[in-house]
Amino acid sequence: MTLKFGLHLILFEELGNIVIAGITTNTRMSGISILKSEGAAQDSVIKLHFYHYKGGHNQNGISIEH
């Protein structure tokens, strides 16, 4: 798995699954569009990511597999 750093928000965790919302300026991607004309810094897309939590912890306090 490749880790990418950017704007992310953990929405919830349930039964070992983590749902994260991320934002990208790559407007060719599918997701929820937010436009500069709507108040965004620039045209962007909100994406949802789903991860399964393995239960172990790494140096950052979490361990996920994609």
Protein backbone atom coordinates (compact mmCIF):
# COMPACT_ATOMS: atom_id res chain seq x y z
CA MET A 1 0.00 0.00 0.00
CA THR A 2 1.23 3.49 -0.79
CA LEU A 3 0.58 6.17 1.78
CA LYS A 4 -0.23 9.61 0.45
CA PHE A 5 -0.34 12.69 2.61
CA GLY A 6 -3.02 15.30 2.14
CA LEU A 7 -6.29 16.47 3.58
CA HIS A 8 -8.13 13.52 5.13
CA LEU A 9 -10.83 13.12 7.73
CA ILE A 10 -11.64 9.87 9.54
CA LEU A 11 -15.43 9.68 9.39
CA PHE A 12 -15.99 6.56 11.49
CA GLU A 13 -14.72 3.13 12.52
CA GLU A 14 -16.95 0.13 12.92
CA LEU A 15 -16.18 -3.59 13.19
CA GLY A 16 -12.57 -3.07 12.13
CA ASN A 17 -13.43 -0.91 9.13
CA ILE A 18 -12.32 2.71 8.83
CA VAL A 19 -14.01 5.16 6.46
CA ILE A 20 -11.93 8.19 5.47
CA ALA A 21 -12.87 11.22 3.35
CA GLY A 22 -10.06 12.69 1.29
CA ILE A 23 -9.92 15.66 -1.04
CA THR A 24 -8.12 15.91 -4.37
CA THR A 25 -7.75 18.62 -6.99
CA ASN A 26 -7.77 15.94 -9.70
CA THR A 27 -11.26 16.76 -11.01
CA ARG A 28 -11.17 13.80 -13.43
CA MET A 29 -11.71 11.46 -10.46
CA SER A 30 -15.19 10.38 -9.45
CA GLY A 31 -16.60 11.61 -6.16
CA ILE A 32 -18.39 14.64 -4.78
CA SER A 33 -17.39 17.75 -6.72
CA ILE A 34 -16.82 21.02 -4.87
CA LEU A 35 -16.16 24.06 -6.98
CA LYS A 36 -14.26 27.29 -6.46
CA SER A 37 -17.50 29.14 -7.21
CA GLU A 38 -19.04 27.28 -4.22
CA GLY A 39 -16.31 28.48 -1.85
CA ALA A 40 -13.54 25.89 -2.29
CA ALA A 41 -9.95 27.13 -2.62
CA GLN A 42 -9.93 25.47 -6.06
CA ASP A 43 -12.08 22.97 -7.94
CA SER A 44 -11.78 19.67 -6.07
CA VAL A 45 -13.34 16.24 -5.52
CA ILE A 46 -14.14 14.60 -2.18
CA LYS A 47 -13.38 10.86 -2.24
CA LEU A 48 -14.29 8.14 0.26
CA HIS A 49 -11.72 5.51 1.18
CA PHE A 50 -12.44 2.27 3.06
CA TYR A 51 -9.76 0.44 5.04
CA HIS A 52 -9.77 -2.67 7.19
CA TYR A 53 -8.08 -2.18 10.56
CA LYS A 54 -5.70 -5.05 11.39
CA GLY A 55 -5.58 -4.42 15.12
CA GLY A 56 -1.82 -3.89 15.49
CA HIS A 57 -0.30 -0.48 16.02
CA ASN A 58 2.68 1.08 14.29
CA GLN A 59 4.76 4.05 15.39
CA ASN A 60 1.93 6.39 14.36
CA GLY A 61 -0.56 4.52 16.51
CA ILE A 62 -2.51 2.91 13.67
CA SER A 63 -2.09 0.05 11.26
CA ILE A 64 -4.25 -0.28 8.17
CA GLU A 65 -4.28 -2.50 5.15
CA HIS A 66 -5.72 -1.44 1.84
